[in-house]
C-alpha atoms as a PDB file:
ATOM      1  CA  MET A   1     -25.042  52.200  16.191  1.00  0.00           C
ATOM      2  CA  LYS A   2     -23.498  49.928  18.411  1.00  0.00           C
ATOM      3  CA  ILE A   3     -26.833  48.248  19.307  1.00  0.00           C
ATOM      4  CA  LEU A   4     -27.703  48.033  15.875  1.00  0.00           C
ATOM      5  CA  ASP A   5     -24.393  46.117  15.202  1.00  0.00           C
ATOM      6  CA  LYS A   6     -24.884  43.794  17.822  1.00  0.00           C
ATOM      7  CA  TYR A   7     -28.332  42.868  16.232  1.00  0.00           C
ATOM      8  CA  ILE A   8     -27.750  42.188  13.030  1.00  0.00           C
ATOM      9  CA  LEU A   9     -24.660  40.370  13.999  1.00  0.00           C
ATOM     10  CA  LYS A  10     -26.368  38.277  16.408  1.00  0.00           C
ATOM     11  CA  GLU A  11     -29.013  37.585  13.780  1.00  0.00           C
ATOM     12  CA  PHE A  12     -26.553  37.150  10.954  1.00  0.00           C
ATOM     13  CA  SER A  13     -24.588  34.528  13.024  1.00  0.00           C
ATOM     14  CA  ARG A  14     -27.730  32.474  13.984  1.00  0.00           C
ATOM     15  CA  PHE A  15     -28.580  32.101  10.475  1.00  0.00           C
ATOM     16  CA  PHE A  16     -24.924  31.502   9.660  1.00  0.00           C
ATOM     17  CA  ILE A  17     -24.303  28.626  12.023  1.00  0.00           C
ATOM     18  CA  ILE A  18     -27.442  26.703  11.469  1.00  0.00           C
ATOM     19  CA  THR A  19     -26.534  27.277   7.701  1.00  0.00           C
ATOM     20  CA  LEU A  20     -23.259  25.994   8.096  1.00  0.00           C
ATOM     21  CA  LEU A  21     -24.146  22.803  10.104  1.00  0.00           C
ATOM     22  CA  SER A  22     -26.626  22.204   7.624  1.00  0.00           C
ATOM     23  CA  PHE A  23     -24.565  22.175   4.689  1.00  0.00           C
ATOM     24  CA  ILE A  24     -21.854  20.177   6.511  1.00  0.00           C
ATOM     25  CA  ALA A  25     -24.401  17.342   7.398  1.00  0.00           C
ATOM     26  CA  LEU A  26     -25.370  17.493   3.740  1.00  0.00           C
ATOM     27  CA  PHE A  27     -22.358  16.859   2.528  1.00  0.00           C
ATOM     28  CA  LEU A  28     -21.370  14.256   5.107  1.00  0.00           C
ATOM     29  CA  ILE A  29     -24.700  12.356   4.229  1.00  0.00           C
ATOM     30  CA  VAL A  30     -24.278  12.657   0.187  1.00  0.00           C
ATOM     31  CA  ASP A  31     -20.654  11.249   0.983  1.00  0.00           C
ATOM     32  CA  PHE A  32     -21.523   8.644   3.289  1.00  0.00           C
ATOM     33  CA  PHE A  33     -24.601   7.066   0.751  1.00  0.00           C
ATOM     34  CA  GLU A  34     -21.528   7.608  -1.890  1.00  0.00           C
ATOM     35  CA  LYS A  35     -18.685   5.532   0.001  1.00  0.00           C
ATOM     36  CA  ILE A  36     -20.681   2.997   1.896  1.00  0.00           C
ATOM     37  CA  ARG A  37     -20.667   0.499  -0.872  1.00  0.00           C
ATOM     38  CA  MET A  38     -16.746   0.982  -0.839  1.00  0.00           C
ATOM     39  CA  PHE A  39     -16.147   0.858   3.039  1.00  0.00           C
ATOM     40  CA  LEU A  40     -18.086  -2.514   3.287  1.00  0.00           C
ATOM     41  CA  SER A  41     -16.682  -4.178   0.240  1.00  0.00           C
ATOM     42  CA  ASN A  42     -12.901  -3.537   1.585  1.00  0.00           C
ATOM     43  CA  SER A  43     -14.214  -4.300   5.260  1.00  0.00           C
ATOM     44  CA  ALA A  44     -13.360  -1.298   6.751  1.00  0.00           C
ATOM     45  CA  SER A  45     -13.364  -0.961  10.157  1.00  0.00           C
ATOM     46  CA  VAL A  46     -16.088   1.583  11.896  1.00  0.00           C
ATOM     47  CA  TYR A  47     -12.982   3.390  13.537  1.00  0.00           C
ATOM     48  CA  GLN A  48     -11.649   3.863   9.664  1.00  0.00           C
ATOM     49  CA  ILE A  49     -15.044   5.128   8.508  1.00  0.00           C
ATOM     50  CA  ILE A  50     -15.325   7.598  11.283  1.00  0.00           C
ATOM     51  CA  SER A  51     -12.001   8.595  10.942  1.00  0.00           C
ATOM     52  CA  TYR A  52     -12.811   9.650   7.410  1.00  0.00           C
ATOM     53  CA  PHE A  53     -15.627  11.527   7.753  1.00  0.00           C
ATOM     54  CA  ILE A  54     -13.933  13.203  10.705  1.00  0.00           C
ATOM     55  CA  PHE A  55     -11.391  14.186   8.604  1.00  0.00           C
ATOM     56  CA  SER A  56     -13.583  15.184   5.549  1.00  0.00           C
ATOM     57  CA  ILE A  57     -14.761  18.033   7.848  1.00  0.00           C
ATOM     58  CA  PRO A  58     -12.156  20.883   7.067  1.00  0.00           C
ATOM     59  CA  MET A  59     -12.447  20.352   3.332  1.00  0.00           C
ATOM     60  CA  ILE A  60     -16.553  20.344   3.264  1.00  0.00           C
ATOM     61  CA  ILE A  61     -15.681  23.734   5.082  1.00  0.00           C
ATOM     62  CA  SER A  62     -13.650  24.973   2.813  1.00  0.00           C
ATOM     63  CA  TYR A  63     -15.834  24.473   0.174  1.00  0.00           C
ATOM     64  CA  VAL A  64     -19.483  25.460   1.748  1.00  0.00           C
ATOM     65  CA  LEU A  65     -18.427  28.420   3.546  1.00  0.00           C
ATOM     66  CA  PRO A  66     -18.890  31.050   0.767  1.00  0.00           C
ATOM     67  CA  PRO A  67     -22.095  29.869  -0.276  1.00  0.00           C
ATOM     68  CA  ALA A  68     -23.018  29.707   3.404  1.00  0.00           C
ATOM     69  CA  ILE A  69     -22.508  33.470   3.935  1.00  0.00           C
ATOM     70  CA  LEU A  70     -24.370  33.622   0.498  1.00  0.00           C
ATOM     71  CA  LEU A  71     -27.373  31.993   2.057  1.00  0.00           C
ATOM     72  CA  THR A  72     -26.995  33.727   5.295  1.00  0.00           C
ATOM     73  CA  THR A  73     -27.325  36.971   4.154  1.00  0.00           C
ATOM     74  CA  LEU A  74     -30.119  36.452   1.879  1.00  0.00           C
ATOM     75  CA  MET A  75     -31.913  35.357   4.933  1.00  0.00           C
ATOM     76  CA  THR A  76     -30.618  37.752   7.511  1.00  0.00           C
ATOM     77  CA  PHE A  77     -31.653  41.039   5.273  1.00  0.00           C
ATOM     78  CA  GLY A  78     -34.479  38.709   3.621  1.00  0.00           C
ATOM     79  CA  SER A  79     -36.170  38.555   7.515  1.00  0.00           C
ATOM     80  CA  LEU A  80     -35.081  41.662   8.527  1.00  0.00           C
ATOM     81  CA  SER A  81     -36.761  43.063   5.434  1.00  0.00           C
ATOM     82  CA  LYS A  82     -39.782  41.152   5.627  1.00  0.00           C
ATOM     83  CA  PHE A  83     -40.764  42.379   9.392  1.00  0.00           C
ATOM     84  CA  HIS A  84     -40.050  46.294   7.984  1.00  0.00           C
ATOM     85  CA  GLU A  85     -37.026  46.105  10.379  1.00  0.00           C
ATOM     86  CA  ILE A  86     -34.821  47.633   6.976  1.00  0.00           C
ATOM     87  CA  THR A  87     -37.716  50.377   6.490  1.00  0.00           C
ATOM     88  CA  ALA A  88     -37.597  51.178   9.845  1.00  0.00           C
ATOM     89  CA  MET A  89     -33.516  51.725  10.051  1.00  0.00           C
ATOM     90  CA  LYS A  90     -33.826  53.646   6.607  1.00  0.00           C
ATOM     91  CA  ALA A  91     -36.448  56.085   8.194  1.00  0.00           C
ATOM     92  CA  ASN A  92     -33.590  56.649  11.061  1.00  0.00           C
ATOM     93  CA  GLY A  93     -31.395  57.771   8.380  1.00  0.00           C
ATOM     94  CA  ILE A  94     -29.443  54.938   7.993  1.00  0.00           C
ATOM     95  CA  ASN A  95     -28.534  53.565   4.331  1.00  0.00           C
ATOM     96  CA  ILE A  96     -28.002  50.411   3.302  1.00  0.00           C
ATOM     97  CA  TYR A  97     -24.334  50.308   3.421  1.00  0.00           C
ATOM     98  CA  ARG A  98     -24.167  50.943   7.300  1.00  0.00           C
ATOM     99  CA  ILE A  99     -26.737  48.701   7.516  1.00  0.00           C
ATOM    100  CA  SER A 100     -24.949  45.578   6.024  1.00  0.00           C
ATOM    101  CA  LEU A 101     -21.367  46.930   7.297  1.00  0.00           C
ATOM    102  CA  PRO A 102     -21.131  44.556  10.066  1.00  0.00           C
ATOM    103  CA  VAL A 103     -21.939  41.420   7.557  1.00  0.00           C
ATOM    104  CA  ILE A 104     -19.271  42.887   5.113  1.00  0.00           C
ATOM    105  CA  ILE A 105     -16.870  43.014   8.197  1.00  0.00           C
ATOM    106  CA  PHE A 106     -17.721  39.483   9.044  1.00  0.00           C
ATOM    107  CA  ALA A 107     -17.378  38.509   5.599  1.00  0.00           C
ATOM    108  CA  ALA A 108     -13.679  40.121   5.692  1.00  0.00           C
ATOM    109  CA  ILE A 109     -12.428  37.965   8.501  1.00  0.00           C
ATOM    110  CA  ALA A 110     -14.132  34.843   6.932  1.00  0.00           C
ATOM    111  CA  ALA A 111     -12.010  35.535   3.865  1.00  0.00           C
ATOM    112  CA  VAL A 112      -8.732  35.646   5.876  1.00  0.00           C
ATOM    113  CA  PHE A 113      -9.673  32.555   8.271  1.00  0.00           C
ATOM    114  CA  LEU A 114     -10.526  30.916   5.013  1.00  0.00           C
ATOM    115  CA  PHE A 115      -7.151  31.902   3.503  1.00  0.00           C
ATOM    116  CA  TYR A 116      -5.188  30.381   6.425  1.00  0.00           C
ATOM    117  CA  PHE A 117      -7.905  28.010   6.790  1.00  0.00           C
ATOM    118  CA  ASN A 118      -6.796  26.335   3.249  1.00  0.00           C
ATOM    119  CA  GLU A 119      -3.272  26.654   3.867  1.00  0.00           C
ATOM    120  CA  MET A 120      -2.451  24.863   7.369  1.00  0.00           C
ATOM    121  CA  ILE A 121      -5.448  22.841   7.489  1.00  0.00           C
ATOM    122  CA  THR A 122      -7.546  21.660   4.650  1.00  0.00           C
ATOM    123  CA  PRO A 123      -4.458  20.238   2.442  1.00  0.00           C
ATOM    124  CA  ALA A 124      -3.346  17.772   5.600  1.00  0.00           C
ATOM    125  CA  SER A 125      -6.667  16.681   5.976  1.00  0.00           C
ATOM    126  CA  ILE A 126      -6.995  16.152   1.922  1.00  0.00           C
ATOM    127  CA  GLN A 127      -4.266  14.017   2.631  1.00  0.00           C
ATOM    128  CA  LYS A 128      -5.235  11.730   4.913  1.00  0.00           C
ATOM    129  CA  THR A 129      -8.186  11.498   3.888  1.00  0.00           C
ATOM    130  CA  GLU A 130      -7.069  10.033   0.703  1.00  0.00           C
ATOM    131  CA  HIS A 131      -4.405   7.914   2.825  1.00  0.00           C
ATOM    132  CA  LEU A 132      -7.116   6.637   4.785  1.00  0.00           C
ATOM    133  CA  ILE A 133      -9.090   5.380   1.340  1.00  0.00           C
ATOM    134  CA  LYS A 134      -6.334   3.980  -0.918  1.00  0.00           C
ATOM    135  CA  VAL A 135      -3.951   2.749   2.037  1.00  0.00           C
ATOM    136  CA  ASP A 136      -6.004   1.927   4.914  1.00  0.00           C
ATOM    137  CA  VAL A 137      -8.912   0.981   3.302  1.00  0.00           C
ATOM    138  CA  GLN A 138      -7.757  -0.545  -0.233  1.00  0.00           C
ATOM    139  CA  LYS A 139      -4.628  -1.571   1.181  1.00  0.00           C
ATOM    140  CA  GLN A 140      -2.449  -0.104  -1.970  1.00  0.00           C
ATOM    141  CA  LYS A 141       1.191   0.559  -1.264  1.00  0.00           C
ATOM    142  CA  THR A 142       2.743   3.827  -0.598  1.00  0.00           C
ATOM    143  CA  LEU A 143       5.749   2.928  -1.941  1.00  0.00           C
ATOM    144  CA  GLY A 144       7.106   6.590  -2.736  1.00  0.00           C
ATOM    145  CA  PHE A 145       7.116  10.028  -1.071  1.00  0.00           C
ATOM    146  CA  PHE A 146       6.779  13.715  -1.929  1.00  0.00           C
ATOM    147  CA  LYS A 147       9.877  15.477  -0.676  1.00  0.00           C
ATOM    148  CA  GLN A 148      11.874  18.625  -1.811  1.00  0.00           C
ATOM    149  CA  ASN A 149       9.578  19.501  -4.246  1.00  0.00           C
ATOM    150  CA  GLU A 150      10.462  16.235  -6.021  1.00  0.00           C
ATOM    151  CA  ILE A 151       9.038  12.763  -5.880  1.00  0.00           C
ATOM    152  CA  TRP A 152      10.360   9.445  -4.870  1.00  0.00           C
ATOM    153  CA  TYR A 153       8.915   6.241  -5.624  1.00  0.00           C
ATOM    154  CA  HIS A 154      10.630   2.574  -4.597  1.00  0.00           C
ATOM    155  CA  GLY A 155       9.377   0.366  -7.901  1.00  0.00           C
ATOM    156  CA  GLU A 156       9.252  -3.855  -8.266  1.00  0.00           C
ATOM    157  CA  ASN A 157      13.175  -3.333  -9.651  1.00  0.00           C
ATOM    158  CA  ALA A 158      14.148   0.244  -9.367  1.00  0.00           C
ATOM    159  CA  ILE A 159      14.247   3.795  -7.419  1.00  0.00           C
ATOM    160  CA  TYR A 160      12.244   6.435  -9.553  1.00  0.00           C
ATOM    161  CA  ASN A 161      12.978   9.987  -9.047  1.00  0.00           C
ATOM    162  CA  PHE A 162      11.162  12.677 -11.519  1.00  0.00           C
ATOM    163  CA  LYS A 163      10.294  16.413 -10.788  1.00  0.00           C
ATOM    164  CA  MET A 164       6.726  16.228 -11.713  1.00  0.00           C
ATOM    165  CA  PHE A 165       4.047  13.976 -12.282  1.00  0.00           C
ATOM    166  CA  ASP A 166       1.306  15.408 -14.981  1.00  0.00           C
ATOM    167  CA  VAL A 167      -1.718  13.341 -13.740  1.00  0.00           C
ATOM    168  CA  ASP A 168      -4.312  14.345 -16.340  1.00  0.00           C
ATOM    169  CA  LYS A 169      -1.634  13.576 -19.416  1.00  0.00           C
ATOM    170  CA  ASN A 170      -0.137  11.032 -17.474  1.00  0.00           C
ATOM    171  CA  ILE A 171       3.380  12.171 -18.027  1.00  0.00           C
ATOM    172  CA  LEU A 172       6.598  12.321 -15.814  1.00  0.00           C
ATOM    173  CA  ARG A 173       8.784  15.042 -16.070  1.00  0.00           C
ATOM    174  CA  GLY A 174      12.314  15.210 -15.353  1.00  0.00           C
ATOM    175  CA  VAL A 175      12.971  11.102 -14.523  1.00  0.00           C
ATOM    176  CA  THR A 176      15.509   9.636 -13.134  1.00  0.00           C
ATOM    177  CA  ILE A 177      15.179   5.833 -12.842  1.00  0.00           C
ATOM    178  CA  ASN A 178      17.800   3.955 -10.775  1.00  0.00           C
ATOM    179  CA  TYR A 179      18.452   0.350 -10.833  1.00  0.00           C
ATOM    180  CA  LEU A 180      20.854  -1.299  -7.797  1.00  0.00           C
ATOM    181  CA  ASN A 181      22.848  -4.666  -7.451  1.00  0.00           C
ATOM    182  CA  PRO A 182      21.839  -6.636  -4.458  1.00  0.00           C
ATOM    183  CA  ASP A 183      24.234  -5.040  -2.665  1.00  0.00           C
ATOM    184  CA  PHE A 184      22.499  -1.816  -3.321  1.00  0.00           C
ATOM    185  CA  THR A 185      25.457  -0.223  -5.515  1.00  0.00           C
ATOM    186  CA  LEU A 186      24.253   1.254  -8.893  1.00  0.00           C
ATOM    187  CA  MET A 187      23.460  -1.540 -11.599  1.00  0.00           C
ATOM    188  CA  SER A 188      22.526   1.131 -14.517  1.00  0.00           C
ATOM    189  CA  ARG A 189      20.495   4.545 -15.228  1.00  0.00           C
ATOM    190  CA  ILE A 190      18.106   6.214 -17.052  1.00  0.00           C
ATOM    191  CA  ASP A 191      17.544   9.795 -16.783  1.00  0.00           C
ATOM    192  CA  ALA A 192      15.162  11.252 -19.425  1.00  0.00           C
ATOM    193  CA  LYS A 193      13.491  14.731 -20.298  1.00  0.00           C
ATOM    194  CA  ARG A 194       9.665  13.133 -20.075  1.00  0.00           C
ATOM    195  CA  ALA A 195       8.208   9.614 -20.084  1.00  0.00           C
ATOM    196  CA  GLU A 196       4.629   9.703 -21.691  1.00  0.00           C
ATOM    197  CA  TRP A 197       2.348   6.616 -21.059  1.00  0.00           C
ATOM    198  CA  LYS A 198       0.697   5.679 -24.611  1.00  0.00           C
ATOM    199  CA  ASN A 199      -1.043   2.497 -25.917  1.00  0.00           C
ATOM    200  CA  ASP A 200      -0.196   0.934 -22.481  1.00  0.00           C
ATOM    201  CA  LYS A 201       3.609   1.647 -22.779  1.00  0.00           C
ATOM    202  CA  TRP A 202       6.473   4.522 -21.549  1.00  0.00           C
ATOM    203  CA  PHE A 203       7.578   6.598 -24.095  1.00  0.00           C
ATOM    204  CA  PHE A 204      10.736   8.331 -22.979  1.00  0.00           C
ATOM    205  CA  TYR A 205      12.447  11.276 -24.441  1.00  0.00           C
ATOM    206  CA  ASN A 206      15.879  12.912 -24.713  1.00  0.00           C
ATOM    207  CA  ILE A 207      17.338   9.769 -23.063  1.00  0.00           C
ATOM    208  CA  LEU A 208      20.411   9.267 -21.562  1.00  0.00           C
ATOM    209  CA  ILE A 209      21.236   5.556 -20.410  1.00  0.00           C
ATOM    210  CA  THR A 210      24.310   4.541 -18.021  1.00  0.00           C
ATOM    211  CA  ARG A 211      25.554   1.500 -17.751  1.00  0.00           C
ATOM    212  CA  PHE A 212      28.621  -0.247 -15.938  1.00  0.00           C
ATOM    213  CA  ASP A 213      30.893  -2.901 -17.266  1.00  0.00           C
ATOM    214  CA  ALA A 214      32.767  -5.418 -14.887  1.00  0.00           C
ATOM    215  CA  ALA A 215      35.373  -2.866 -14.322  1.00  0.00           C
ATOM    216  CA  ASN A 216      32.240  -0.443 -13.421  1.00  0.00           C
ATOM    217  CA  ASN A 217      33.152   1.821 -16.187  1.00  0.00           C
ATOM    218  CA  PRO A 218      30.593   3.836 -17.662  1.00  0.00           C
ATOM    219  CA  ILE A 219      28.756   2.591 -20.772  1.00  0.00           C
ATOM    220  CA  LEU A 220      26.651   5.413 -22.173  1.00  0.00           C
ATOM    221  CA  GLU A 221      23.988   5.583 -24.566  1.00  0.00           C
ATOM    222  CA  ARG A 222      21.799   8.772 -26.101  1.00  0.00           C
ATOM    223  CA  SER A 223      18.243   8.297 -27.441  1.00  0.00           C
ATOM    224  CA  LYS A 224      15.704  10.786 -28.549  1.00  0.00           C
ATOM    225  CA  GLU A 225      12.974   8.245 -27.977  1.00  0.00           C
ATOM    226  CA  LYS A 226      12.599   5.026 -26.595  1.00  0.00           C
ATOM    227  CA  ILE A 227      10.155   2.476 -25.744  1.00  0.00           C
ATOM    228  CA  ILE A 228      11.415   1.447 -22.330  1.00  0.00           C
ATOM    229  CA  ALA A 229       9.542  -1.447 -19.827  1.00  0.00           C
ATOM    230  CA  ILE A 230       8.662  -0.861 -16.734  1.00  0.00           C
ATOM    231  CA  PRO A 231       6.169  -2.867 -14.753  1.00  0.00           C
ATOM    232  CA  GLU A 232       4.807   0.288 -13.101  1.00  0.00           C
ATOM    233  CA  GLN A 233       1.626   1.776 -14.580  1.00  0.00           C
ATOM    234  CA  PRO A 234       0.542   5.719 -13.967  1.00  0.00           C
ATOM    235  CA  ASN A 235      -1.820   4.427 -11.209  1.00  0.00           C
ATOM    236  CA  ASP A 236       1.060   3.141  -9.203  1.00  0.00           C
ATOM    237  CA  PHE A 237       2.692   6.775  -9.264  1.00  0.00           C
ATOM    238  CA  LYS A 238      -0.687   8.437  -8.747  1.00  0.00           C
ATOM    239  CA  VAL A 239      -0.878   6.462  -4.999  1.00  0.00           C
ATOM    240  CA  MET A 240       1.660   9.078  -3.660  1.00  0.00           C
ATOM    241  CA  GLN A 241       1.515  12.044  -6.339  1.00  0.00           C
ATOM    242  CA  LYS A 242       1.436  15.443  -4.552  1.00  0.00           C
ATOM    243  CA  ASP A 243      -1.400  17.791  -6.453  1.00  0.00           C
ATOM    244  CA  ALA A 244      -2.082  21.339  -6.167  1.00  0.00           C
ATOM    245  CA  GLU A 245      -4.875  20.681  -4.004  1.00  0.00           C
ATOM    246  CA  LYS A 246      -2.847  19.183  -1.126  1.00  0.00           C
ATOM    247  CA  MET A 247      -0.812  22.051  -1.003  1.00  0.00           C
ATOM    248  CA  GLY A 248      -1.050  25.691   0.771  1.00  0.00           C
ATOM    249  CA  TYR A 249      -0.296  28.525  -1.195  1.00  0.00           C
ATOM    250  CA  PHE A 250       3.266  29.471  -0.050  1.00  0.00           C
ATOM    251  CA  GLU A 251       3.972  25.543  -0.747  1.00  0.00           C
ATOM    252  CA  LEU A 252       2.242  25.432  -4.188  1.00  0.00           C
ATOM    253  CA  ARG A 253       4.032  28.861  -4.807  1.00  0.00           C
ATOM    254  CA  LYS A 254       7.928  28.024  -3.805  1.00  0.00           C
ATOM    255  CA  TYR A 255       6.799  24.826  -5.783  1.00  0.00           C
ATOM    256  CA  ILE A 256       5.870  26.663  -8.996  1.00  0.00           C
ATOM    257  CA  LYS A 257       9.059  28.793  -8.914  1.00  0.00           C
ATOM    258  CA  LYS A 258      11.522  25.457  -8.639  1.00  0.00           C
ATOM    259  CA  ILE A 259       9.750  23.598 -11.587  1.00  0.00           C
ATOM    260  CA  GLN A 260       9.497  26.832 -13.706  1.00  0.00           C
ATOM    261  CA  SER A 261      13.323  27.532 -12.987  1.00  0.00           C
ATOM    262  CA  GLU A 262      14.125  24.070 -14.538  1.00  0.00           C
ATOM    263  CA  GLY A 263      11.908  25.177 -17.741  1.00  0.00           C
ATOM    264  CA  TYR A 264       8.435  22.630 -16.946  1.00  0.00           C
ATOM    265  CA  ASP A 265       5.259  24.227 -17.854  1.00  0.00           C
ATOM    266  CA  VAL A 266       3.733  25.462 -14.911  1.00  0.00           C
ATOM    267  CA  THR A 267       0.386  26.825 -16.510  1.00  0.00           C
ATOM    268  CA  LYS A 268      -2.048  24.248 -14.468  1.00  0.00           C
ATOM    269  CA  TYR A 269      -0.701  25.373 -11.232  1.00  0.00           C
ATOM    270  CA  LEU A 270      -0.294  28.723 -11.801  1.00  0.00           C
ATOM    271  CA  VAL A 271      -3.930  28.657 -12.187  1.00  0.00           C
ATOM    272  CA  GLU A 272      -4.507  26.690  -8.969  1.00  0.00           C
ATOM    273  CA  LEU A 273      -2.313  29.247  -7.086  1.00  0.00           C
ATOM    274  CA  GLN A 274      -4.357  32.249  -8.108  1.00  0.00           C
ATOM    275  CA  GLY A 275      -7.109  30.010  -7.209  1.00  0.00           C
ATOM    276  CA  LYS A 276      -6.035  30.032  -3.881  1.00  0.00           C
ATOM    277  CA  ILE A 277      -5.934  33.758  -3.324  1.00  0.00           C
ATOM    278  CA  ALA A 278      -9.645  34.174  -5.104  1.00  0.00           C
ATOM    279  CA  PHE A 279     -11.620  31.303  -3.813  1.00  0.00           C
ATOM    280  CA  PRO A 280     -11.722  33.153   0.204  1.00  0.00           C
ATOM    281  CA  LEU A 281     -12.649  36.509  -1.674  1.00  0.00           C
ATOM    282  CA  VAL A 282     -15.736  34.896  -3.024  1.00  0.00           C
ATOM    283  CA  THR A 283     -17.179  35.291   0.564  1.00  0.00           C
ATOM    284  CA  LEU A 284     -16.864  39.405   0.529  1.00  0.00           C
ATOM    285  CA  ILE A 285     -18.215  38.609  -3.329  1.00  0.00           C
ATOM    286  CA  MET A 286     -21.006  36.740  -2.317  1.00  0.00           C
ATOM    287  CA  ILE A 287     -22.432  39.577   0.395  1.00  0.00           C
ATOM    288  CA  PHE A 288     -22.385  42.447  -2.208  1.00  0.00           C
ATOM    289  CA  ILE A 289     -24.249  40.171  -4.364  1.00  0.00           C
ATOM    290  CA  ALA A 290     -26.834  38.878  -1.590  1.00  0.00           C
ATOM    291  CA  VAL A 291     -27.944  42.472   0.040  1.00  0.00           C
ATOM    292  CA  PRO A 292     -29.801  43.822  -2.986  1.00  0.00           C
ATOM    293  CA  PHE A 293     -31.592  40.790  -3.214  1.00  0.00           C
ATOM    294  CA  SER A 294     -32.422  40.071   0.191  1.00  0.00           C
ATOM    295  CA  VAL A 295     -33.549  43.404   0.716  1.00  0.00           C
ATOM    296  CA  ARG A 296     -37.277  43.872  -0.332  1.00  0.00           C
ATOM    297  CA  SER A 297     -39.705  45.937   1.065  1.00  0.00           C
ATOM    298  CA  GLU A 298     -42.905  42.754   0.357  1.00  0.00           C
ATOM    299  CA  ARG A 299     -43.983  40.656   3.468  1.00  0.00           C
ATOM    300  CA  SER A 300     -44.265  37.721   0.678  1.00  0.00           C
ATOM    301  CA  GLY A 301     -41.663  35.172   0.163  1.00  0.00           C
ATOM    302  CA  GLY A 302     -39.207  36.267   3.014  1.00  0.00           C
ATOM    303  CA  VAL A 303     -36.594  33.913   4.504  1.00  0.00           C
ATOM    304  CA  MET A 304     -37.718  30.860   1.964  1.00  0.00           C
ATOM    305  CA  GLN A 305     -37.805  33.081  -0.613  1.00  0.00           C
ATOM    306  CA  SER A 306     -34.445  34.297  -0.127  1.00  0.00           C
ATOM    307  CA  ALA A 307     -32.986  30.722   0.311  1.00  0.00           C
ATOM    308  CA  GLY A 308     -34.392  30.202  -2.962  1.00  0.00           C
ATOM    309  CA  ILE A 309     -32.369  32.880  -4.407  1.00  0.00           C
ATOM    310  CA  GLY A 310     -29.230  31.686  -2.517  1.00  0.00           C
ATOM    311  CA  ILE A 311     -29.247  28.182  -3.767  1.00  0.00           C
ATOM    312  CA  PHE A 312     -29.952  29.461  -7.355  1.00  0.00           C
ATOM    313  CA  ILE A 313     -27.071  32.102  -6.761  1.00  0.00           C
ATOM    314  CA  GLY A 314     -24.841  29.175  -5.237  1.00  0.00           C
ATOM    315  CA  PHE A 315     -25.493  26.941  -7.744  1.00  0.00           C
ATOM    316  CA  SER A 316     -24.831  29.225 -10.851  1.00  0.00           C
ATOM    317  CA  TYR A 317     -21.385  30.473  -8.998  1.00  0.00           C
ATOM    318  CA  TRP A 318     -20.210  27.007  -8.465  1.00  0.00           C
ATOM    319  CA  ILE A 319     -20.598  26.325 -12.325  1.00  0.00           C
ATOM    320  CA  VAL A 320     -18.789  29.525 -13.529  1.00  0.00           C
ATOM    321  CA  HIS A 321     -16.021  28.828 -11.112  1.00  0.00           C
ATOM    322  CA  ALA A 322     -15.612  25.450 -12.356  1.00  0.00           C
ATOM    323  CA  PHE A 323     -15.746  26.266 -16.023  1.00  0.00           C
ATOM    324  CA  SER A 324     -13.244  29.042 -15.595  1.00  0.00           C
ATOM    325  CA  MET A 325     -10.859  26.747 -13.929  1.00  0.00           C
ATOM    326  CA  SER A 326     -10.996  23.938 -16.537  1.00  0.00           C
ATOM    327  CA  LEU A 327     -10.409  27.027 -19.022  1.00  0.00           C
ATOM    328  CA  GLY A 328      -7.206  27.964 -16.913  1.00  0.00           C
ATOM    329  CA  ARG A 329      -5.857  24.430 -16.764  1.00  0.00           C
ATOM    330  CA  SER A 330      -6.890  23.508 -20.539  1.00  0.00           C
ATOM    331  CA  GLU A 331      -4.322  27.044 -21.342  1.00  0.00           C
ATOM    332  CA  VAL A 332      -7.534  28.599 -23.161  1.00  0.00           C
END
């Protein structure tokens, strides 16, 4: 059986390397033609362009590993079935579950690898590619940073601090704005539960405004709702926003616990958190889907037929996955 396992793994590994490299190359080619005009219009250097695509590879691997395993399984077992090798194994009393065991173990290892890969490498690569595009190429300013589960931003006239930024709804939560004198002493401060961008204006809610008179005594003003004119718009904050895909599982879980304890809605982040566990397990699911489709006794079709089935199943999965994630983010 060890010889048989090695043979199946050898065939599987051969197809897997070819499939994975093909997927990576395809993604890079498509991304190149999508980005080339932007690079040229911003006079990006060759080094910046090459760096961007190198740092894109980890993100591509995390996306294509499950469908690569699906397609590899279909091609491997389709090839074995085409040449009646599966039939010969069954004739010797080896059932299909035992035949597919090496591939299942491979997929389980790949699932663990993908989880830690997405934990340690992918978030950093996403941040690096975004920094390359927005800062190095498009010359956008990075006046803020994400630290200790809070976001800080140095604006034109003030320093902003907020707990969370809902990029989709353009809502800041747990907002503090500090206005400083030229000698960096505090001139005034605005605290608000949230600030919402509507009709090209910032609407602040549950506000406490603290001003200081000539004797440095605080003067407090409270308001339930108020429009406050600040020069920054949502796009300014998006440059340094750290969203769920830029965090690993454990960092995101810690972030969720903190903002949840402060009373903020964490539904969107919980969806992303569960997705970080579920996505690596797709590699195993793909195996169990692929084997029944690929084990066929007929000689017609073979590898090409398996590839066609794999592409169809892969696209179907991505559609269902994207739809399910969008439902979760929408709290449906």
